[in-house]
Amino acid sequence: MTVNQAVAKRVANLLKARQITQYRLAKNAGMLHQTLDSIMQGKNKTVTFSTVIMLARGFGITLLEFLDDPLFYYDNIEID
């Protein structure tokens, strides 16, 4: 799985767990809804570190909490 796919899956899991919409997350994170939608649909091929920070802030969690998931373990991520 790519980093972008892992980020999208982590976001989907947190959205479900916290029962919030993509639109609400985008607003909380200070990003355009289209940007988040592109990430979730796999259209965005370059999720930046700053975007991940914004997503964590949008969920009201730390960056470490966002990344603390097996999705981001070395064995699960494809590195080019």
C-alpha atoms as a PDB file:
ATOM      1  CA  MET A   1       0.000   0.000   0.000  1.00  0.00           C
ATOM      2  CA  THR A   2       1.270   3.489  -0.783  1.00  0.00           C
ATOM      3  CA  VAL A   3       1.538   6.265   1.768  1.00  0.00           C
ATOM      4  CA  ASN A   4      -1.354   8.034   0.064  1.00  0.00           C
ATOM      5  CA  GLN A   5      -3.547   4.948   0.363  1.00  0.00           C
ATOM      6  CA  ALA A   6      -2.594   4.544   4.024  1.00  0.00           C
ATOM      7  CA  VAL A   7      -3.494   8.174   4.742  1.00  0.00           C
ATOM      8  CA  ALA A   8      -6.860   7.758   2.997  1.00  0.00           C
ATOM      9  CA  LYS A   9      -7.630   4.583   4.965  1.00  0.00           C
ATOM     10  CA  ARG A  10      -6.600   6.204   8.250  1.00  0.00           C
ATOM     11  CA  VAL A  11      -8.828   9.186   7.519  1.00  0.00           C
ATOM     12  CA  ALA A  12     -11.743   6.892   6.616  1.00  0.00           C
ATOM     13  CA  ASN A  13     -11.309   4.930   9.849  1.00  0.00           C
ATOM     14  CA  LEU A  14     -11.157   8.088  11.966  1.00  0.00           C
ATOM     15  CA  LEU A  15     -14.165   9.615  10.195  1.00  0.00           C
ATOM     16  CA  LYS A  16     -16.182   6.513  10.971  1.00  0.00           C
ATOM     17  CA  ALA A  17     -14.972   6.259  14.578  1.00  0.00           C
ATOM     18  CA  ARG A  18     -15.642   9.923  15.294  1.00  0.00           C
ATOM     19  CA  GLN A  19     -18.832  10.039  13.211  1.00  0.00           C
ATOM     20  CA  ILE A  20     -17.927  13.158  11.262  1.00  0.00           C
ATOM     21  CA  THR A  21     -18.170  13.904   7.567  1.00  0.00           C
ATOM     22  CA  GLN A  22     -15.394  14.612   5.107  1.00  0.00           C
ATOM     23  CA  TYR A  23     -16.808  18.105   4.716  1.00  0.00           C
ATOM     24  CA  ARG A  24     -16.590  18.762   8.482  1.00  0.00           C
ATOM     25  CA  LEU A  25     -13.037  17.391   8.617  1.00  0.00           C
ATOM     26  CA  ALA A  26     -11.968  19.613   5.719  1.00  0.00           C
ATOM     27  CA  LYS A  27     -13.418  22.662   7.483  1.00  0.00           C
ATOM     28  CA  ASN A  28     -11.777  21.724  10.797  1.00  0.00           C
ATOM     29  CA  ALA A  29      -8.456  21.121   9.041  1.00  0.00           C
ATOM     30  CA  GLY A  30      -8.586  24.380   7.096  1.00  0.00           C
ATOM     31  CA  MET A  31      -8.382  22.702   3.718  1.00  0.00           C
ATOM     32  CA  LEU A  32     -10.585  22.646   0.666  1.00  0.00           C
ATOM     33  CA  HIS A  33     -13.136  19.841   0.584  1.00  0.00           C
ATOM     34  CA  GLN A  34     -11.946  19.053  -2.953  1.00  0.00           C
ATOM     35  CA  THR A  35      -8.433  18.417  -1.638  1.00  0.00           C
ATOM     36  CA  LEU A  36      -9.694  15.936   0.940  1.00  0.00           C
ATOM     37  CA  ASP A  37     -11.986  14.329  -1.608  1.00  0.00           C
ATOM     38  CA  SER A  38      -9.039  13.872  -3.998  1.00  0.00           C
ATOM     39  CA  ILE A  39      -7.057  12.145  -1.247  1.00  0.00           C
ATOM     40  CA  MET A  40      -9.954   9.865  -0.362  1.00  0.00           C
ATOM     41  CA  GLN A  41     -10.600   8.912  -3.995  1.00  0.00           C
ATOM     42  CA  GLY A  42      -6.940   8.221  -4.692  1.00  0.00           C
ATOM     43  CA  LYS A  43      -6.682  11.046  -7.226  1.00  0.00           C
ATOM     44  CA  ASN A  44      -4.056  12.870  -5.183  1.00  0.00           C
ATOM     45  CA  LYS A  45      -0.750  11.047  -5.637  1.00  0.00           C
ATOM     46  CA  THR A  46       1.351  13.295  -3.403  1.00  0.00           C
ATOM     47  CA  VAL A  47      -0.003  13.695   0.113  1.00  0.00           C
ATOM     48  CA  THR A  48       2.441  16.070   1.757  1.00  0.00           C
ATOM     49  CA  PHE A  49       3.604  16.078   5.352  1.00  0.00           C
ATOM     50  CA  SER A  50       1.884  19.417   5.906  1.00  0.00           C
ATOM     51  CA  THR A  51      -1.397  17.914   4.661  1.00  0.00           C
ATOM     52  CA  VAL A  52      -1.066  15.069   7.160  1.00  0.00           C
ATOM     53  CA  ILE A  53      -0.482  17.629   9.925  1.00  0.00           C
ATOM     54  CA  MET A  54      -3.598  19.518   8.830  1.00  0.00           C
ATOM     55  CA  LEU A  55      -5.631  16.295   8.874  1.00  0.00           C
ATOM     56  CA  ALA A  56      -4.451  15.474  12.386  1.00  0.00           C
ATOM     57  CA  ARG A  57      -5.392  18.985  13.540  1.00  0.00           C
ATOM     58  CA  GLY A  58      -8.774  18.604  11.857  1.00  0.00           C
ATOM     59  CA  PHE A  59      -9.423  15.512  13.953  1.00  0.00           C
ATOM     60  CA  GLY A  60      -8.167  17.295  17.070  1.00  0.00           C
ATOM     61  CA  ILE A  61      -5.359  14.798  17.592  1.00  0.00           C
ATOM     62  CA  THR A  62      -1.584  14.986  17.493  1.00  0.00           C
ATOM     63  CA  LEU A  63       0.439  13.979  14.484  1.00  0.00           C
ATOM     64  CA  LEU A  64       1.788  11.039  16.484  1.00  0.00           C
ATOM     65  CA  GLU A  65      -1.754   9.867  17.249  1.00  0.00           C
ATOM     66  CA  PHE A  66      -2.647  10.073  13.574  1.00  0.00           C
ATOM     67  CA  LEU A  67       0.394   8.023  12.544  1.00  0.00           C
ATOM     68  CA  ASP A  68       0.056   5.516  15.402  1.00  0.00           C
ATOM     69  CA  ASP A  69      -1.665   2.865  13.317  1.00  0.00           C
ATOM     70  CA  PRO A  70      -0.498  -0.405  11.725  1.00  0.00           C
ATOM     71  CA  LEU A  71      -1.270   1.126   8.324  1.00  0.00           C
ATOM     72  CA  PHE A  72       1.962   3.095   8.677  1.00  0.00           C
ATOM     73  CA  TYR A  73       4.225   0.237   9.763  1.00  0.00           C
ATOM     74  CA  TYR A  74       7.270  -0.173   7.519  1.00  0.00           C
ATOM     75  CA  ASP A  75       6.150  -3.613   6.362  1.00  0.00           C
ATOM     76  CA  ASN A  76       2.816  -2.224   5.186  1.00  0.00           C
ATOM     77  CA  ILE A  77       4.084   0.769   3.196  1.00  0.00           C
ATOM     78  CA  GLU A  78       5.564   0.739  -0.290  1.00  0.00           C
ATOM     79  CA  ILE A  79       8.486   3.111  -0.589  1.00  0.00           C
ATOM     80  CA  ASP A  80       9.622   4.113  -4.079  1.00  0.00           C
END
